[in-house]
Each structure stands twice: as C-alpha cells, then as structure tokens.
Amino acid sequence: MKKLIIILFFLLVTFACQPIEKIDQIVFDNNQFSRFNIQTNYIEINEVFEKKISEPYIGHTLKISPSQRIINWVNENFKAIGNENIFNVTILDASITQTQFENKEAKNFDEKNHYEYKLFYLVEFNLYDDSNILLASTLVETSRSTTSGLYISIQEKENIIEDLIYKSLIDISNESKVLLKKYMSNYIL
C-alpha cells in the first residue's frame, strides 16, 4: 500500500510539472511568403531605421534583428527582371519592444506581472526610372503584439519573439502583395 501511494505521488508530481503551452521552434522559410518579379535593373535596399539599444527596445539583443529579417525576405523574394529602372526598398522602422505590465484580471494564484512584446514594421517601396524620376511608390506597415509571463525560460522567450517576427513577416508580405499590385501593377510580372 505504501508503495502504491509513493508511485501515485510521483506520477502526480510529474504530471503537475508539465508546461501548459509550448511554442515550437520557428523556422524562417522565405519561400512561404509572396514572391515578386519587378521590372527593374537592380534592387537596392536602404535601412534608415536607427536601432535603439535602450529600454524598452530589444531588437539589438536578438540573434537576427527584425530589420535583418526584412532584408533577407527582400533578397530572397524580390527578383529584378529587365534592364532599366531602379527598385528601392527603404526600411523606415523595424522596432521591437518589451514592456512589463500588471495583469489586473489575474486570479489569486495566477502570475500578476507579464511582458508585452510589440513589433512594428514600416517599409517604403519606390520605383525610379534611369533618370531617377519616381515612377511608383507605396508605403507598407504592420504592427503586431503578443504577451508572455514574466518568469519563463530564455528559450521560451526567444520562441515567443521569433513567432511574433514570423507572423509579422507574413503580415508585411501579404500587405506588400496587395499594395504593390495596386500601385506598381505595370511593373510587376
């Protein structure tokens, strides 16, 4: 009988310590996003966004920053086709912030403090002719946020942030598809 109680206690403790929710490792595959064939000689990427290293900004702490994710997306999904025009992609903002807030609706044993992560992308697409005259332009922005508990593992925090960046890339890719077709339809194949 004593053995049975010990086994039941061990099983109860084992199952009670299991995580409630776990986010899988995020794999960034730019082939899943919209692809664009632009009638241009070459594609130029400018990053005018100044990275902030003070609180609440956390982009500088990541292995790959949100602005680098945009650059990788443009490099892999935009193809220059033609021998005239210049397609310019300017990253105006790619900031991610982490702020702590108190959950006022938390129950007695729930965690009262949480983190909120916010990601904001602002990208400008411009198409110039060879004389540097603007032919078409559009501005694409997306904003997304998520929350987490205050006391989570570093791996879980990284997965939450990577998931936020990935979903924001999906948003900016879809929004870019709509706006580029609307404003640059004559130059996209």
C-alpha atoms as a PDB file:
ATOM      1  CA  MET A   1       0.000   0.000   0.000  1.00  0.00           C
ATOM      2  CA  LYS A   2       2.809   2.389   0.876  1.00  0.00           C
ATOM      3  CA  LYS A   3       4.464   1.620  -2.455  1.00  0.00           C
ATOM      4  CA  LEU A   4       1.257   2.459  -4.333  1.00  0.00           C
ATOM      5  CA  ILE A   5       0.955   5.817  -2.552  1.00  0.00           C
ATOM      6  CA  ILE A   6       4.571   6.692  -3.431  1.00  0.00           C
ATOM      7  CA  ILE A   7       4.006   5.769  -7.085  1.00  0.00           C
ATOM      8  CA  LEU A   8       0.799   7.821  -7.256  1.00  0.00           C
ATOM      9  CA  PHE A   9       2.504  10.773  -5.585  1.00  0.00           C
ATOM     10  CA  PHE A  10       5.421  10.542  -8.039  1.00  0.00           C
ATOM     11  CA  LEU A  11       3.028  10.444 -11.031  1.00  0.00           C
ATOM     12  CA  LEU A  12       1.030  13.369  -9.674  1.00  0.00           C
ATOM     13  CA  VAL A  13       4.176  15.495  -9.248  1.00  0.00           C
ATOM     14  CA  THR A  14       5.447  14.503 -12.707  1.00  0.00           C
ATOM     15  CA  PHE A  15       2.220  15.475 -14.459  1.00  0.00           C
ATOM     16  CA  ALA A  16       1.780  18.648 -12.420  1.00  0.00           C
ATOM     17  CA  CYS A  17       5.164  19.957 -13.565  1.00  0.00           C
ATOM     18  CA  GLN A  18       4.378  19.723 -17.272  1.00  0.00           C
ATOM     19  CA  PRO A  19       4.298  23.012 -19.212  1.00  0.00           C
ATOM     20  CA  ILE A  20       0.885  24.386 -20.059  1.00  0.00           C
ATOM     21  CA  GLU A  21       1.739  25.636 -23.539  1.00  0.00           C
ATOM     22  CA  LYS A  22       4.896  25.285 -25.545  1.00  0.00           C
ATOM     23  CA  ILE A  23       5.706  27.106 -28.776  1.00  0.00           C
ATOM     24  CA  ASP A  24       7.744  25.037 -31.202  1.00  0.00           C
ATOM     25  CA  GLN A  25      10.979  26.292 -32.712  1.00  0.00           C
ATOM     26  CA  ILE A  26      10.207  28.750 -35.523  1.00  0.00           C
ATOM     27  CA  VAL A  27      11.833  28.092 -38.900  1.00  0.00           C
ATOM     28  CA  PHE A  28      12.086  31.104 -41.197  1.00  0.00           C
ATOM     29  CA  ASP A  29      11.490  29.958 -44.755  1.00  0.00           C
ATOM     30  CA  ASN A  30      11.106  32.972 -47.026  1.00  0.00           C
ATOM     31  CA  ASN A  31       9.794  30.698 -49.798  1.00  0.00           C
ATOM     32  CA  GLN A  32       6.474  30.611 -47.924  1.00  0.00           C
ATOM     33  CA  PHE A  33       5.977  34.346 -48.462  1.00  0.00           C
ATOM     34  CA  SER A  34       4.818  36.241 -51.551  1.00  0.00           C
ATOM     35  CA  ARG A  35       7.324  36.452 -54.405  1.00  0.00           C
ATOM     36  CA  PHE A  36       7.694  39.445 -56.721  1.00  0.00           C
ATOM     37  CA  ASN A  37       9.226  39.842 -60.183  1.00  0.00           C
ATOM     38  CA  ILE A  38       9.936  43.546 -60.653  1.00  0.00           C
ATOM     39  CA  GLN A  39      10.730  45.183 -63.990  1.00  0.00           C
ATOM     40  CA  THR A  40      13.984  46.722 -62.829  1.00  0.00           C
ATOM     41  CA  ASN A  41      17.697  46.552 -63.465  1.00  0.00           C
ATOM     42  CA  TYR A  42      18.522  46.033 -59.811  1.00  0.00           C
ATOM     43  CA  ILE A  43      17.055  46.151 -56.335  1.00  0.00           C
ATOM     44  CA  GLU A  44      18.506  48.496 -53.758  1.00  0.00           C
ATOM     45  CA  ILE A  45      17.867  48.090 -50.009  1.00  0.00           C
ATOM     46  CA  ASN A  46      18.335  51.004 -47.605  1.00  0.00           C
ATOM     47  CA  GLU A  47      17.988  50.746 -43.871  1.00  0.00           C
ATOM     48  CA  VAL A  48      17.409  54.214 -42.436  1.00  0.00           C
ATOM     49  CA  PHE A  49      15.977  52.818 -39.231  1.00  0.00           C
ATOM     50  CA  GLU A  50      18.271  53.627 -36.321  1.00  0.00           C
ATOM     51  CA  LYS A  51      18.490  50.698 -33.949  1.00  0.00           C
ATOM     52  CA  LYS A  52      17.784  51.706 -30.391  1.00  0.00           C
ATOM     53  CA  ILE A  53      19.678  49.979 -27.598  1.00  0.00           C
ATOM     54  CA  SER A  54      17.816  51.456 -24.636  1.00  0.00           C
ATOM     55  CA  GLU A  55      14.760  50.089 -22.887  1.00  0.00           C
ATOM     56  CA  PRO A  56      12.117  49.095 -23.922  1.00  0.00           C
ATOM     57  CA  TYR A  57      13.727  48.176 -27.295  1.00  0.00           C
ATOM     58  CA  ILE A  58      15.098  44.634 -27.512  1.00  0.00           C
ATOM     59  CA  GLY A  59      15.921  44.210 -31.223  1.00  0.00           C
ATOM     60  CA  HIS A  60      19.649  44.514 -30.536  1.00  0.00           C
ATOM     61  CA  THR A  61      19.535  41.504 -28.173  1.00  0.00           C
ATOM     62  CA  LEU A  62      18.252  39.078 -30.817  1.00  0.00           C
ATOM     63  CA  LYS A  63      20.461  36.777 -32.885  1.00  0.00           C
ATOM     64  CA  ILE A  64      18.845  38.102 -36.078  1.00  0.00           C
ATOM     65  CA  SER A  65      17.188  41.506 -35.800  1.00  0.00           C
ATOM     66  CA  PRO A  66      13.733  42.252 -37.250  1.00  0.00           C
ATOM     67  CA  SER A  67      15.296  44.576 -39.857  1.00  0.00           C
ATOM     68  CA  GLN A  68      17.664  41.795 -40.981  1.00  0.00           C
ATOM     69  CA  ARG A  69      14.629  39.518 -41.393  1.00  0.00           C
ATOM     70  CA  ILE A  70      13.122  42.104 -43.775  1.00  0.00           C
ATOM     71  CA  ILE A  71      16.395  42.369 -45.715  1.00  0.00           C
ATOM     72  CA  ASN A  72      16.542  38.561 -46.044  1.00  0.00           C
ATOM     73  CA  TRP A  73      12.927  38.496 -47.209  1.00  0.00           C
ATOM     74  CA  VAL A  74      13.560  41.134 -49.887  1.00  0.00           C
ATOM     75  CA  ASN A  75      16.773  39.446 -51.067  1.00  0.00           C
ATOM     76  CA  GLU A  76      15.068  36.071 -51.419  1.00  0.00           C
ATOM     77  CA  ASN A  77      11.603  37.066 -52.654  1.00  0.00           C
ATOM     78  CA  PHE A  78      12.149  40.055 -54.956  1.00  0.00           C
ATOM     79  CA  LYS A  79      13.669  39.336 -58.351  1.00  0.00           C
ATOM     80  CA  ALA A  80      14.928  42.004 -60.742  1.00  0.00           C
ATOM     81  CA  ILE A  81      13.779  41.347 -64.308  1.00  0.00           C
ATOM     82  CA  GLY A  82      14.722  43.813 -67.010  1.00  0.00           C
ATOM     83  CA  ASN A  83      17.476  46.232 -67.909  1.00  0.00           C
ATOM     84  CA  GLU A  84      16.055  49.574 -66.792  1.00  0.00           C
ATOM     85  CA  ASN A  85      14.587  51.164 -63.658  1.00  0.00           C
ATOM     86  CA  ILE A  86      15.765  51.051 -60.060  1.00  0.00           C
ATOM     87  CA  PHE A  87      13.649  49.436 -57.348  1.00  0.00           C
ATOM     88  CA  ASN A  88      14.372  50.879 -53.912  1.00  0.00           C
ATOM     89  CA  VAL A  89      13.299  49.269 -50.635  1.00  0.00           C
ATOM     90  CA  THR A  90      13.721  51.506 -47.588  1.00  0.00           C
ATOM     91  CA  ILE A  91      13.279  50.116 -44.092  1.00  0.00           C
ATOM     92  CA  LEU A  92      11.960  53.058 -42.098  1.00  0.00           C
ATOM     93  CA  ASP A  93      11.167  51.164 -38.896  1.00  0.00           C
ATOM     94  CA  ALA A  94      11.695  47.632 -37.621  1.00  0.00           C
ATOM     95  CA  SER A  95      11.435  48.043 -33.883  1.00  0.00           C
ATOM     96  CA  ILE A  96      10.521  45.507 -31.258  1.00  0.00           C
ATOM     97  CA  THR A  97       9.790  46.490 -27.672  1.00  0.00           C
ATOM     98  CA  GLN A  98       9.311  44.653 -24.406  1.00  0.00           C
ATOM     99  CA  THR A  99       7.282  46.295 -21.647  1.00  0.00           C
ATOM    100  CA  GLN A 100       6.168  44.929 -18.326  1.00  0.00           C
ATOM    101  CA  PHE A 101       2.560  45.345 -17.256  1.00  0.00           C
ATOM    102  CA  GLU A 102       0.361  44.202 -14.406  1.00  0.00           C
ATOM    103  CA  ASN A 103      -2.493  41.857 -15.231  1.00  0.00           C
ATOM    104  CA  LYS A 104      -5.334  43.275 -13.157  1.00  0.00           C
ATOM    105  CA  GLU A 105      -7.625  40.346 -14.010  1.00  0.00           C
ATOM    106  CA  ALA A 106      -5.239  37.705 -12.621  1.00  0.00           C
ATOM    107  CA  LYS A 107      -6.712  35.294 -10.116  1.00  0.00           C
ATOM    108  CA  ASN A 108      -5.139  34.602  -6.713  1.00  0.00           C
ATOM    109  CA  PHE A 109      -2.528  32.117  -7.880  1.00  0.00           C
ATOM    110  CA  ASP A 110      -2.003  33.486 -11.398  1.00  0.00           C
ATOM    111  CA  GLU A 111       1.063  35.469 -12.292  1.00  0.00           C
ATOM    112  CA  LYS A 112       0.289  39.169 -11.856  1.00  0.00           C
ATOM    113  CA  ASN A 113       3.088  40.631 -13.996  1.00  0.00           C
ATOM    114  CA  HIS A 114       3.540  39.947 -17.706  1.00  0.00           C
ATOM    115  CA  TYR A 115       5.597  41.147 -20.641  1.00  0.00           C
ATOM    116  CA  GLU A 116       4.107  42.611 -23.784  1.00  0.00           C
ATOM    117  CA  TYR A 117       6.162  42.424 -26.971  1.00  0.00           C
ATOM    118  CA  LYS A 118       5.299  44.812 -29.815  1.00  0.00           C
ATOM    119  CA  LEU A 119       6.781  44.708 -33.300  1.00  0.00           C
ATOM    120  CA  PHE A 120       6.318  47.491 -35.826  1.00  0.00           C
ATOM    121  CA  TYR A 121       7.447  47.355 -39.453  1.00  0.00           C
ATOM    122  CA  LEU A 122       7.376  50.327 -41.838  1.00  0.00           C
ATOM    123  CA  VAL A 123       8.797  49.738 -45.321  1.00  0.00           C
ATOM    124  CA  GLU A 124       8.732  52.027 -48.343  1.00  0.00           C
ATOM    125  CA  PHE A 125       8.907  50.693 -51.911  1.00  0.00           C
ATOM    126  CA  ASN A 126       9.937  53.126 -54.666  1.00  0.00           C
ATOM    127  CA  LEU A 127      10.486  52.525 -58.365  1.00  0.00           C
ATOM    128  CA  TYR A 128      12.639  55.028 -60.255  1.00  0.00           C
ATOM    129  CA  ASP A 129      13.451  55.213 -63.925  1.00  0.00           C
ATOM    130  CA  ASP A 130      17.066  55.501 -65.115  1.00  0.00           C
ATOM    131  CA  SER A 131      16.850  59.324 -64.883  1.00  0.00           C
ATOM    132  CA  ASN A 132      15.981  58.996 -61.172  1.00  0.00           C
ATOM    133  CA  ILE A 133      12.359  60.073 -61.700  1.00  0.00           C
ATOM    134  CA  LEU A 134       9.873  58.404 -59.370  1.00  0.00           C
ATOM    135  CA  LEU A 135       7.528  56.098 -61.316  1.00  0.00           C
ATOM    136  CA  ALA A 136       5.630  54.463 -58.448  1.00  0.00           C
ATOM    137  CA  SER A 137       5.708  54.369 -54.672  1.00  0.00           C
ATOM    138  CA  THR A 138       3.945  52.707 -51.769  1.00  0.00           C
ATOM    139  CA  LEU A 139       4.348  52.521 -48.019  1.00  0.00           C
ATOM    140  CA  VAL A 140       3.668  49.250 -46.171  1.00  0.00           C
ATOM    141  CA  GLU A 141       3.306  48.941 -42.430  1.00  0.00           C
ATOM    142  CA  THR A 142       2.333  46.264 -39.988  1.00  0.00           C
ATOM    143  CA  SER A 143       2.098  46.069 -36.242  1.00  0.00           C
ATOM    144  CA  ARG A 144       1.649  43.022 -34.067  1.00  0.00           C
ATOM    145  CA  SER A 145       1.947  42.238 -30.372  1.00  0.00           C
ATOM    146  CA  THR A 146       1.924  39.288 -28.003  1.00  0.00           C
ATOM    147  CA  THR A 147       2.318  38.671 -24.285  1.00  0.00           C
ATOM    148  CA  SER A 148       4.132  36.221 -22.049  1.00  0.00           C
ATOM    149  CA  GLY A 149       4.610  35.530 -18.402  1.00  0.00           C
ATOM    150  CA  LEU A 150       7.374  37.283 -16.536  1.00  0.00           C
ATOM    151  CA  TYR A 151       9.046  34.084 -15.368  1.00  0.00           C
ATOM    152  CA  ILE A 152       9.681  31.981 -18.462  1.00  0.00           C
ATOM    153  CA  SER A 153      12.792  30.301 -19.785  1.00  0.00           C
ATOM    154  CA  ILE A 154      15.143  32.088 -22.164  1.00  0.00           C
ATOM    155  CA  GLN A 155      14.333  29.514 -24.867  1.00  0.00           C
ATOM    156  CA  GLU A 156      10.605  30.082 -24.481  1.00  0.00           C
ATOM    157  CA  LYS A 157      11.097  33.861 -24.633  1.00  0.00           C
ATOM    158  CA  GLU A 158      13.139  33.510 -27.839  1.00  0.00           C
ATOM    159  CA  ASN A 159      10.459  31.284 -29.366  1.00  0.00           C
ATOM    160  CA  ILE A 160       7.714  33.786 -28.495  1.00  0.00           C
ATOM    161  CA  ILE A 161       9.681  36.651 -30.082  1.00  0.00           C
ATOM    162  CA  GLU A 162      10.584  34.591 -33.179  1.00  0.00           C
ATOM    163  CA  ASP A 163       6.914  33.646 -33.588  1.00  0.00           C
ATOM    164  CA  LEU A 164       5.969  37.336 -33.367  1.00  0.00           C
ATOM    165  CA  ILE A 165       8.548  38.253 -36.022  1.00  0.00           C
ATOM    166  CA  TYR A 166       7.456  35.396 -38.284  1.00  0.00           C
ATOM    167  CA  LYS A 167       3.777  36.356 -38.101  1.00  0.00           C
ATOM    168  CA  SER A 168       4.706  39.997 -38.752  1.00  0.00           C
ATOM    169  CA  LEU A 169       6.644  38.923 -41.853  1.00  0.00           C
ATOM    170  CA  ILE A 170       3.541  37.102 -43.069  1.00  0.00           C
ATOM    171  CA  ASP A 171       1.552  40.307 -42.494  1.00  0.00           C
ATOM    172  CA  ILE A 172       4.023  42.546 -44.302  1.00  0.00           C
ATOM    173  CA  SER A 173       4.356  40.081 -47.166  1.00  0.00           C
ATOM    174  CA  ASN A 174       0.586  39.917 -47.668  1.00  0.00           C
ATOM    175  CA  GLU A 175       0.166  43.689 -47.341  1.00  0.00           C
ATOM    176  CA  SER A 176       3.056  44.269 -49.769  1.00  0.00           C
ATOM    177  CA  LYS A 177       1.402  41.969 -52.292  1.00  0.00           C
ATOM    178  CA  VAL A 178      -1.825  43.973 -52.151  1.00  0.00           C
ATOM    179  CA  LEU A 179      -0.198  47.418 -52.297  1.00  0.00           C
ATOM    180  CA  LEU A 180       2.457  46.591 -54.896  1.00  0.00           C
ATOM    181  CA  LYS A 181      -0.216  45.148 -57.198  1.00  0.00           C
ATOM    182  CA  LYS A 182      -2.315  48.263 -56.635  1.00  0.00           C
ATOM    183  CA  TYR A 183       0.376  50.910 -57.148  1.00  0.00           C
ATOM    184  CA  MET A 184       3.014  49.151 -59.249  1.00  0.00           C
ATOM    185  CA  SER A 185       0.928  46.747 -61.329  1.00  0.00           C
ATOM    186  CA  ASN A 186       2.519  47.957 -64.579  1.00  0.00           C
ATOM    187  CA  TYR A 187       5.986  46.997 -63.316  1.00  0.00           C
ATOM    188  CA  ILE A 188       5.298  43.651 -61.621  1.00  0.00           C
ATOM    189  CA  LEU A 189       5.202  40.429 -63.599  1.00  0.00           C
END
